[in-house]
N, C-alpha and C. Protein backbone atom coordinates (compact mmCIF):
# COMPACT_ATOMS: atom_id res chain seq x y z
N MET A 1 -8.70 65.63 -7.28
CA MET A 1 -9.37 66.84 -7.52
C MET A 1 -10.67 67.03 -6.51
N PHE A 2 -10.87 68.04 -6.20
CA PHE A 2 -11.96 68.39 -5.38
C PHE A 2 -13.54 67.73 -6.18
N ASN A 3 -13.60 67.67 -7.31
CA ASN A 3 -14.58 67.32 -8.03
C ASN A 3 -14.64 65.73 -7.89
N GLY A 4 -13.69 64.74 -7.43
CA GLY A 4 -13.90 63.52 -7.39
C GLY A 4 -12.85 62.96 -8.81
N THR A 5 -12.31 63.75 -9.21
CA THR A 5 -11.27 63.46 -10.72
C THR A 5 -9.95 63.21 -9.95
N ILE A 6 -9.03 62.09 -10.71
CA ILE A 6 -7.84 61.72 -10.68
C ILE A 6 -7.42 61.87 -11.97
N LEU A 7 -6.22 62.85 -11.99
CA LEU A 7 -5.65 62.88 -13.42
C LEU A 7 -4.18 62.39 -13.15
N LEU A 8 -3.84 61.59 -14.02
CA LEU A 8 -2.45 61.10 -14.25
C LEU A 8 -1.70 61.81 -15.41
N ARG A 9 -0.39 62.43 -14.97
CA ARG A 9 0.19 62.93 -16.01
C ARG A 9 1.46 62.73 -15.96
N ASP A 10 2.20 62.83 -17.08
CA ASP A 10 3.53 62.34 -17.30
C ASP A 10 4.55 63.53 -16.62
N LYS A 11 5.82 63.28 -16.80
CA LYS A 11 6.92 64.44 -15.99
C LYS A 11 6.77 65.76 -16.55
N ASN A 12 6.23 65.76 -18.00
CA ASN A 12 6.19 66.98 -18.34
C ASN A 12 4.91 67.66 -18.31
N GLY A 13 3.67 66.93 -17.53
CA GLY A 13 2.82 67.46 -17.16
C GLY A 13 1.44 67.22 -18.32
N ALA A 14 1.95 66.40 -19.31
CA ALA A 14 0.87 65.95 -20.17
C ALA A 14 -0.20 65.12 -19.73
N GLU A 15 -1.47 65.01 -19.48
CA GLU A 15 -2.44 64.21 -19.47
C GLU A 15 -2.25 62.72 -20.13
N LEU A 16 -2.12 61.73 -19.19
CA LEU A 16 -1.90 60.66 -19.64
C LEU A 16 -3.44 60.02 -19.51
N THR A 17 -4.05 59.97 -18.30
CA THR A 17 -5.32 59.14 -18.24
C THR A 17 -6.09 59.88 -17.02
N THR A 18 -7.43 59.88 -17.19
CA THR A 18 -8.28 60.31 -15.99
C THR A 18 -9.19 59.08 -15.42
N ILE A 19 -9.46 59.41 -14.06
CA ILE A 19 -10.15 58.53 -13.59
C ILE A 19 -11.25 59.36 -12.72
N GLN A 20 -12.55 59.00 -12.86
CA GLN A 20 -13.55 59.86 -12.47
C GLN A 20 -14.42 59.07 -11.35
N LYS A 21 -13.90 59.22 -9.94
CA LYS A 21 -14.15 58.48 -8.99
C LYS A 21 -15.69 58.71 -8.44
N SER A 22 -16.07 59.82 -8.15
CA SER A 22 -17.25 60.18 -7.56
C SER A 22 -17.51 61.81 -7.64
N ALA A 23 -18.49 62.27 -7.05
CA ALA A 23 -18.68 63.81 -7.09
C ALA A 23 -18.01 64.39 -5.85
N ASP A 24 -17.72 63.33 -5.03
CA ASP A 24 -16.83 63.81 -3.79
C ASP A 24 -15.43 64.27 -3.64
N PRO A 25 -14.91 65.07 -3.04
CA PRO A 25 -13.22 65.24 -3.37
C PRO A 25 -12.49 63.98 -2.98
N VAL A 26 -11.47 63.70 -3.83
CA VAL A 26 -10.46 62.75 -3.82
C VAL A 26 -9.47 63.62 -2.86
N TRP A 27 -9.40 62.77 -1.60
CA TRP A 27 -8.39 63.61 -0.57
C TRP A 27 -7.11 62.87 -0.36
N THR A 28 -6.98 61.91 -0.66
CA THR A 28 -5.87 61.43 -0.64
C THR A 28 -5.26 60.06 -1.39
N LEU A 29 -4.30 60.18 -2.04
CA LEU A 29 -3.56 59.23 -3.29
C LEU A 29 -2.50 58.69 -2.66
N GLN A 30 -1.91 57.44 -3.26
CA GLN A 30 -0.63 56.85 -2.72
C GLN A 30 -0.33 55.81 -3.80
N PHE A 31 0.90 55.91 -4.50
CA PHE A 31 1.44 54.63 -5.36
C PHE A 31 2.09 53.81 -4.59
N CYS A 32 1.90 52.46 -4.46
CA CYS A 32 2.53 51.44 -3.84
C CYS A 32 4.23 51.73 -4.29
N PRO A 33 4.90 51.56 -3.71
CA PRO A 33 6.36 51.89 -4.01
C PRO A 33 7.07 50.70 -4.46
N GLN A 34 6.49 49.62 -4.57
CA GLN A 34 7.01 48.45 -4.93
C GLN A 34 6.03 47.88 -6.36
N LYS A 35 6.87 47.34 -7.28
CA LYS A 35 5.86 46.58 -8.27
C LYS A 35 6.03 45.11 -8.17
N PHE A 36 5.09 44.47 -8.08
CA PHE A 36 5.00 42.95 -7.81
C PHE A 36 4.82 42.32 -9.11
N ASP A 37 5.60 41.54 -9.67
CA ASP A 37 5.40 40.29 -10.75
C ASP A 37 5.35 40.94 -11.75
N THR A 38 4.75 42.23 -12.08
CA THR A 38 4.46 42.84 -13.37
C THR A 38 4.78 44.09 -13.41
N ASN A 39 4.74 45.04 -14.65
CA ASN A 39 5.00 46.27 -14.63
C ASN A 39 3.76 47.05 -13.97
N ASP A 40 2.84 46.43 -13.71
CA ASP A 40 1.94 47.50 -13.15
C ASP A 40 2.00 48.01 -11.76
N ASN A 41 1.53 49.24 -11.57
CA ASN A 41 1.62 50.21 -10.50
C ASN A 41 0.26 49.70 -9.55
N ILE A 42 0.40 49.74 -8.31
CA ILE A 42 -1.30 49.78 -7.57
C ILE A 42 -1.28 51.37 -7.13
N LEU A 43 -2.22 52.01 -7.24
CA LEU A 43 -2.45 53.35 -6.72
C LEU A 43 -3.81 52.87 -6.04
N VAL A 44 -3.63 53.68 -4.74
CA VAL A 44 -4.68 53.61 -3.84
C VAL A 44 -5.33 55.04 -3.57
N ALA A 45 -6.59 55.15 -3.44
CA ALA A 45 -7.17 56.48 -3.62
C ALA A 45 -8.28 56.49 -2.49
N GLY A 46 -8.02 57.50 -1.78
CA GLY A 46 -9.28 57.71 -0.64
C GLY A 46 -9.94 58.84 -0.81
N GLY A 47 -11.64 59.02 -0.89
CA GLY A 47 -12.15 60.13 -0.88
C GLY A 47 -13.02 60.47 -0.01
N TRP A 48 -13.75 61.77 -0.25
CA TRP A 48 -14.79 61.75 0.95
C TRP A 48 -16.28 61.26 0.80
N ASP A 49 -16.16 60.26 -0.09
CA ASP A 49 -17.51 59.53 -0.11
C ASP A 49 -17.24 58.39 0.76
N SER A 50 -16.23 58.20 1.55
CA SER A 50 -16.17 57.19 2.63
C SER A 50 -15.77 55.69 1.83
N LYS A 51 -15.15 56.00 0.69
CA LYS A 51 -14.55 54.93 0.14
C LYS A 51 -13.14 54.76 -0.29
N LEU A 52 -12.50 53.58 -0.59
CA LEU A 52 -11.39 53.49 -0.86
C LEU A 52 -11.45 52.55 -2.07
N SER A 53 -10.38 53.14 -3.07
CA SER A 53 -10.52 52.58 -4.48
C SER A 53 -9.11 52.25 -4.71
N LEU A 54 -8.87 50.81 -5.37
CA LEU A 54 -7.38 50.46 -5.84
C LEU A 54 -7.64 50.29 -7.15
N TYR A 55 -6.46 50.82 -7.77
CA TYR A 55 -6.31 50.86 -9.34
C TYR A 55 -5.11 50.20 -9.77
N THR A 56 -4.71 49.36 -10.93
CA THR A 56 -3.44 49.05 -11.60
C THR A 56 -3.40 49.85 -12.47
N VAL A 57 -2.25 50.50 -12.60
CA VAL A 57 -1.94 51.38 -13.76
C VAL A 57 -0.81 51.01 -14.48
N SER A 58 -0.93 50.52 -15.63
CA SER A 58 0.13 50.18 -16.62
C SER A 58 0.40 51.18 -17.49
N GLY A 59 1.59 51.25 -17.41
CA GLY A 59 2.33 52.19 -18.59
C GLY A 59 1.97 53.48 -18.63
N GLY A 60 1.23 53.87 -17.38
CA GLY A 60 0.56 55.11 -17.18
C GLY A 60 -0.51 55.61 -17.91
N LYS A 61 -1.04 54.62 -18.74
CA LYS A 61 -2.26 54.93 -19.52
C LYS A 61 -3.12 54.11 -19.21
N THR A 62 -3.14 52.90 -19.13
CA THR A 62 -4.19 51.66 -18.94
C THR A 62 -4.39 51.67 -17.32
N VAL A 63 -5.61 52.02 -17.19
CA VAL A 63 -6.03 52.22 -15.83
C VAL A 63 -7.10 51.28 -15.34
N LYS A 64 -7.16 49.88 -14.71
CA LYS A 64 -7.92 48.97 -14.07
C LYS A 64 -8.35 48.94 -12.59
N PRO A 65 -9.60 49.06 -12.18
CA PRO A 65 -9.92 48.93 -10.94
C PRO A 65 -9.80 47.54 -10.44
N ILE A 66 -9.28 47.60 -9.32
CA ILE A 66 -9.07 46.07 -8.55
C ILE A 66 -10.14 46.01 -7.53
N GLY A 67 -11.21 45.23 -7.90
CA GLY A 67 -12.16 44.90 -7.22
C GLY A 67 -13.08 45.91 -7.15
N THR A 68 -13.98 45.97 -6.21
CA THR A 68 -14.90 47.29 -6.16
C THR A 68 -14.52 48.17 -5.04
N ASP A 69 -15.03 49.28 -5.11
CA ASP A 69 -14.98 50.38 -3.71
C ASP A 69 -15.30 49.76 -2.30
N LYS A 70 -14.29 49.87 -1.45
CA LYS A 70 -14.70 49.42 -0.09
C LYS A 70 -15.25 50.71 0.63
N ASP A 71 -16.52 50.47 1.41
CA ASP A 71 -17.18 51.40 2.08
C ASP A 71 -16.44 51.35 3.35
N LEU A 72 -15.87 52.49 3.96
CA LEU A 72 -14.95 52.46 5.01
C LEU A 72 -15.90 53.02 6.32
N GLY A 73 -17.11 54.13 5.89
CA GLY A 73 -17.87 54.71 7.33
C GLY A 73 -17.12 55.72 7.76
N PHE A 74 -16.06 56.11 7.27
CA PHE A 74 -15.54 57.46 7.53
C PHE A 74 -14.64 57.97 6.39
N ASP A 75 -14.15 59.00 6.32
CA ASP A 75 -13.71 59.81 5.48
C ASP A 75 -12.09 59.63 5.42
N PRO A 76 -11.59 59.05 4.82
CA PRO A 76 -9.75 58.99 4.71
C PRO A 76 -9.13 60.01 4.33
N CYS A 77 -8.18 60.52 5.12
CA CYS A 77 -7.41 61.78 4.88
C CYS A 77 -6.25 61.56 4.50
N SER A 78 -5.49 60.38 4.83
CA SER A 78 -3.96 60.32 4.64
C SER A 78 -3.77 58.65 4.33
N ILE A 79 -2.94 58.36 3.47
CA ILE A 79 -2.73 57.08 3.42
C ILE A 79 -0.81 57.05 3.08
N SER A 80 -0.26 56.18 3.88
CA SER A 80 1.01 55.87 3.53
C SER A 80 1.68 54.62 3.36
N PHE A 81 2.59 54.29 2.64
CA PHE A 81 2.98 52.75 2.30
C PHE A 81 4.06 52.62 3.10
N TYR A 82 4.60 51.31 3.51
CA TYR A 82 5.33 50.93 4.33
C TYR A 82 6.61 50.69 2.86
N PRO A 83 7.73 50.76 3.16
CA PRO A 83 8.62 50.84 2.07
C PRO A 83 8.77 49.26 1.27
N THR A 84 8.44 48.48 1.60
CA THR A 84 8.37 47.08 1.12
C THR A 84 7.01 47.25 0.20
N GLY A 85 6.16 47.94 0.49
CA GLY A 85 4.97 48.01 -0.86
C GLY A 85 3.82 47.07 -0.06
N GLU A 86 4.28 45.94 0.90
CA GLU A 86 2.94 45.05 1.44
C GLU A 86 2.06 45.51 2.07
N TYR A 87 2.20 46.75 3.12
CA TYR A 87 1.22 46.91 3.88
C TYR A 87 1.10 48.46 3.58
N PHE A 88 -0.14 49.07 3.80
CA PHE A 88 -0.09 50.67 4.03
C PHE A 88 -0.79 51.16 5.27
N VAL A 89 -0.87 52.35 5.60
CA VAL A 89 -1.66 52.84 6.93
C VAL A 89 -2.74 53.77 6.25
N MET A 90 -3.76 54.02 6.96
CA MET A 90 -4.51 54.97 6.75
C MET A 90 -5.48 55.67 7.89
N ALA A 91 -5.41 56.81 7.77
CA ALA A 91 -6.17 57.56 8.81
C ALA A 91 -7.15 58.56 8.37
N GLY A 92 -8.09 59.17 9.19
CA GLY A 92 -8.74 60.02 8.82
C GLY A 92 -10.09 60.37 9.79
N SER A 93 -11.24 60.88 9.44
CA SER A 93 -11.96 61.37 10.44
C SER A 93 -12.58 60.46 11.46
N ASP A 94 -12.19 59.13 11.21
CA ASP A 94 -12.46 58.05 12.52
C ASP A 94 -11.50 58.05 13.47
N ARG A 95 -10.42 59.14 13.38
CA ARG A 95 -9.55 59.42 14.52
C ARG A 95 -8.70 58.19 14.64
N GLU A 96 -8.64 57.19 13.78
CA GLU A 96 -7.91 55.96 14.03
C GLU A 96 -7.18 55.55 12.95
N ILE A 97 -5.75 55.03 13.40
CA ILE A 97 -4.77 54.79 12.24
C ILE A 97 -5.13 53.10 12.00
N THR A 98 -5.24 52.79 11.00
CA THR A 98 -5.64 51.15 10.60
C THR A 98 -4.25 50.65 9.51
N LEU A 99 -4.07 49.28 9.69
CA LEU A 99 -3.24 48.95 8.90
C LEU A 99 -3.91 47.75 7.68
N TRP A 100 -3.56 48.12 6.39
CA TRP A 100 -4.04 47.48 5.49
C TRP A 100 -2.86 46.46 4.62
N ASN A 101 -3.61 45.65 3.92
CA ASN A 101 -2.48 45.04 2.78
C ASN A 101 -2.65 45.72 1.68
N LYS A 102 -1.82 45.21 0.53
CA LYS A 102 -1.73 45.99 -0.76
C LYS A 102 -2.83 45.63 -1.52
N GLU A 103 -3.46 44.66 -1.23
CA GLU A 103 -4.81 44.44 -2.02
C GLU A 103 -6.06 44.87 -1.27
N GLY A 104 -5.96 45.71 -0.09
CA GLY A 104 -7.05 46.61 0.30
C GLY A 104 -7.92 45.99 1.26
N VAL A 105 -7.34 44.87 2.10
CA VAL A 105 -7.80 44.11 3.02
C VAL A 105 -7.41 44.91 4.30
N LYS A 106 -8.67 45.10 5.17
CA LYS A 106 -7.84 45.79 6.59
C LYS A 106 -7.47 44.78 7.35
N LEU A 107 -6.32 44.68 7.93
CA LEU A 107 -5.80 43.89 8.79
C LEU A 107 -5.71 44.40 10.46
N GLY A 108 -6.14 45.51 10.81
CA GLY A 108 -6.43 46.08 11.99
C GLY A 108 -6.21 47.32 12.36
N LYS A 109 -6.37 47.58 13.76
CA LYS A 109 -6.26 49.00 14.10
C LYS A 109 -4.97 49.12 14.86
N ILE A 110 -4.04 50.27 14.47
CA ILE A 110 -2.82 50.20 15.16
C ILE A 110 -3.10 51.24 16.58
N GLY A 111 -3.86 52.27 16.14
CA GLY A 111 -4.00 53.07 17.29
C GLY A 111 -5.02 54.07 17.01
N ALA A 112 -5.02 55.07 17.87
CA ALA A 112 -6.44 56.01 17.87
C ALA A 112 -5.89 57.40 18.56
N ALA A 113 -6.53 58.50 17.96
CA ALA A 113 -6.04 59.78 18.41
C ALA A 113 -7.43 60.40 19.00
N ASN A 114 -7.20 61.80 19.18
CA ASN A 114 -8.51 62.37 20.24
C ASN A 114 -9.10 63.34 19.28
N ASP A 115 -8.61 63.34 17.63
CA ASP A 115 -9.26 64.29 17.06
C ASP A 115 -8.80 63.91 15.20
N TRP A 116 -9.51 64.40 14.53
CA TRP A 116 -9.51 63.98 12.85
C TRP A 116 -7.99 63.72 12.93
N ILE A 117 -7.47 62.65 12.20
CA ILE A 117 -6.19 62.36 12.04
C ILE A 117 -5.71 63.16 10.27
N TRP A 118 -5.17 63.96 10.11
CA TRP A 118 -5.11 64.66 8.64
C TRP A 118 -3.56 64.22 7.84
N SER A 119 -2.63 63.63 8.82
CA SER A 119 -1.52 63.09 8.12
C SER A 119 -1.06 61.86 8.78
N VAL A 120 -0.68 61.13 8.14
CA VAL A 120 -0.20 59.77 8.69
C VAL A 120 1.05 59.18 7.95
N CYS A 121 2.08 58.76 8.48
CA CYS A 121 3.12 58.72 7.64
C CYS A 121 4.00 57.49 8.38
N VAL A 122 4.69 56.52 7.39
CA VAL A 122 5.43 55.29 8.19
C VAL A 122 6.87 55.86 7.96
N HIS A 123 7.55 55.70 9.07
CA HIS A 123 9.07 56.09 8.89
C HIS A 123 9.77 54.72 8.09
N PRO A 124 10.62 55.33 6.90
CA PRO A 124 11.09 54.12 5.94
C PRO A 124 12.00 53.51 6.71
N GLY A 125 12.90 53.62 8.00
CA GLY A 125 13.64 52.84 8.15
C GLY A 125 13.23 51.95 9.20
N THR A 126 12.07 52.25 10.07
CA THR A 126 11.79 51.46 11.15
C THR A 126 10.43 51.01 10.64
N ASN A 127 9.74 50.33 11.76
CA ASN A 127 8.12 50.28 11.62
C ASN A 127 7.34 51.21 12.29
N SER A 128 7.73 52.29 12.65
CA SER A 128 7.16 53.28 13.53
C SER A 128 6.13 53.85 12.72
N VAL A 129 4.97 54.39 12.92
CA VAL A 129 4.22 55.33 12.55
C VAL A 129 3.61 56.41 13.18
N PHE A 130 3.57 57.57 12.34
CA PHE A 130 3.69 58.86 12.75
C PHE A 130 2.20 59.30 12.44
N ALA A 131 1.55 60.14 13.04
CA ALA A 131 0.23 60.61 12.65
C ALA A 131 0.34 62.31 13.39
N GLY A 132 -0.53 63.12 12.44
CA GLY A 132 -0.69 64.54 12.90
C GLY A 132 -2.15 64.92 12.77
N THR A 133 -2.73 65.47 14.29
CA THR A 133 -3.84 65.52 14.16
C THR A 133 -4.66 66.91 14.27
N ASN A 134 -5.85 67.16 13.80
CA ASN A 134 -6.61 68.40 13.80
C ASN A 134 -6.33 69.08 14.91
N SER A 135 -6.28 68.87 16.20
CA SER A 135 -5.87 69.43 17.29
C SER A 135 -4.26 69.77 17.48
N GLY A 136 -3.58 69.40 16.45
CA GLY A 136 -2.06 69.89 16.75
C GLY A 136 -1.23 68.74 17.13
N ASP A 137 -1.96 67.71 17.69
CA ASP A 137 -0.86 66.78 18.32
C ASP A 137 -0.26 65.56 17.29
N LEU A 138 1.00 65.36 17.70
CA LEU A 138 1.80 64.53 17.01
C LEU A 138 1.61 63.07 17.78
N VAL A 139 1.28 61.93 17.22
CA VAL A 139 1.20 60.82 17.72
C VAL A 139 2.01 59.78 17.23
N SER A 140 2.52 58.78 17.88
CA SER A 140 3.45 57.88 17.36
C SER A 140 3.32 56.55 17.78
N PHE A 141 3.43 55.29 16.84
CA PHE A 141 3.11 53.90 17.33
C PHE A 141 4.18 53.24 16.74
N ASN A 142 4.50 52.19 17.25
CA ASN A 142 5.61 51.18 16.96
C ASN A 142 4.81 49.86 16.44
N VAL A 143 5.00 49.24 15.26
CA VAL A 143 4.19 48.31 14.76
C VAL A 143 5.31 47.17 14.72
N GLU A 144 4.68 46.01 15.23
CA GLU A 144 5.54 44.87 14.89
C GLU A 144 5.18 43.74 14.00
N PHE A 145 5.60 43.16 13.27
CA PHE A 145 5.37 42.07 12.39
C PHE A 145 5.94 40.86 12.65
N LEU A 146 5.48 40.21 13.45
CA LEU A 146 5.87 38.62 14.12
C LEU A 146 5.51 37.83 12.77
N ARG A 147 6.67 37.14 12.88
CA ARG A 147 6.79 35.90 11.84
C ARG A 147 6.27 34.63 12.48
N VAL A 148 5.34 33.90 12.27
CA VAL A 148 4.35 32.91 12.79
C VAL A 148 4.94 31.60 12.05
N HIS A 149 5.69 30.75 13.18
CA HIS A 149 6.36 29.57 12.66
C HIS A 149 5.49 28.30 13.06
N GLY A 150 5.57 27.33 12.39
CA GLY A 150 4.77 26.09 12.87
C GLY A 150 5.63 24.62 12.64
N LEU A 151 5.72 23.73 13.38
CA LEU A 151 6.48 22.62 13.12
C LEU A 151 5.71 21.50 13.18
N TYR A 152 5.28 20.47 12.36
CA TYR A 152 4.75 19.25 12.76
C TYR A 152 5.17 18.11 11.80
N GLN A 153 5.73 17.31 12.64
CA GLN A 153 6.46 15.99 12.02
C GLN A 153 7.76 16.58 11.59
N GLU A 154 7.80 16.33 10.02
CA GLU A 154 8.67 16.70 9.02
C GLU A 154 8.36 17.95 8.37
N ARG A 155 7.04 18.41 8.57
CA ARG A 155 6.63 19.78 7.73
C ARG A 155 7.14 21.05 8.77
N TYR A 156 7.44 21.97 8.10
CA TYR A 156 7.69 23.37 8.72
C TYR A 156 6.88 24.27 7.75
N ALA A 157 6.00 25.20 8.45
CA ALA A 157 5.43 26.27 7.96
C ALA A 157 5.58 27.76 8.65
N TYR A 158 5.56 28.69 7.69
CA TYR A 158 5.56 30.19 8.29
C TYR A 158 4.61 30.83 7.40
N ARG A 159 4.40 31.88 7.98
CA ARG A 159 3.29 32.93 7.28
C ARG A 159 4.14 34.12 6.78
N GLU A 160 3.55 34.47 5.72
CA GLU A 160 4.28 35.26 4.80
C GLU A 160 3.09 36.35 4.22
N GLN A 161 3.21 37.81 4.27
CA GLN A 161 2.17 38.63 4.15
C GLN A 161 0.95 38.70 4.89
N MET A 162 1.18 38.05 5.92
CA MET A 162 -0.15 37.97 7.32
C MET A 162 -1.07 36.79 6.50
N THR A 163 -1.32 36.65 5.45
CA THR A 163 -2.15 35.85 4.71
C THR A 163 -1.93 34.55 4.09
N ASP A 164 -0.73 34.26 3.59
CA ASP A 164 -0.14 33.30 2.74
C ASP A 164 0.90 32.44 3.84
N VAL A 165 0.55 31.14 3.76
CA VAL A 165 1.15 29.97 4.47
C VAL A 165 2.12 29.25 3.61
N ILE A 166 3.51 29.47 3.83
CA ILE A 166 4.22 28.56 3.04
C ILE A 166 5.04 27.47 3.81
N ILE A 167 4.66 26.21 2.84
CA ILE A 167 5.13 25.04 3.62
C ILE A 167 6.35 24.24 2.95
């Protein structure tokens, strides 16, 4: 809501729980499309207090923050998860599209535009990212996720989810 409130409702519209973020508008919300090892859902919220908040939502009623709010230095306008739920992209008043992991760690910059980016979306069948700007431009980027491999003597290792090393 414009007053910084996030309302979670069931399919009939009955209120399940309320999250009070700040006095600034909550402009973008996105649930992670995949559940990881639990029945918890991850909710990512970006507000015009220039902060990113992550929550776990259990059964629709129990909401717990994941860590502390992250200061962004810009106002986020749009968030979109990759279909696997491991990564999401975010864009806003800084005119950039950035890549984040599901824990809220910024992994890098994907690209930039010439004006505020009001909408960003990941193509579900590819790794393409599309964004719409305040000036009416539509920009597109292709993102590659390369698997890093290593072999030393009889040990083989590879990287998974950008930060985990599997031996």
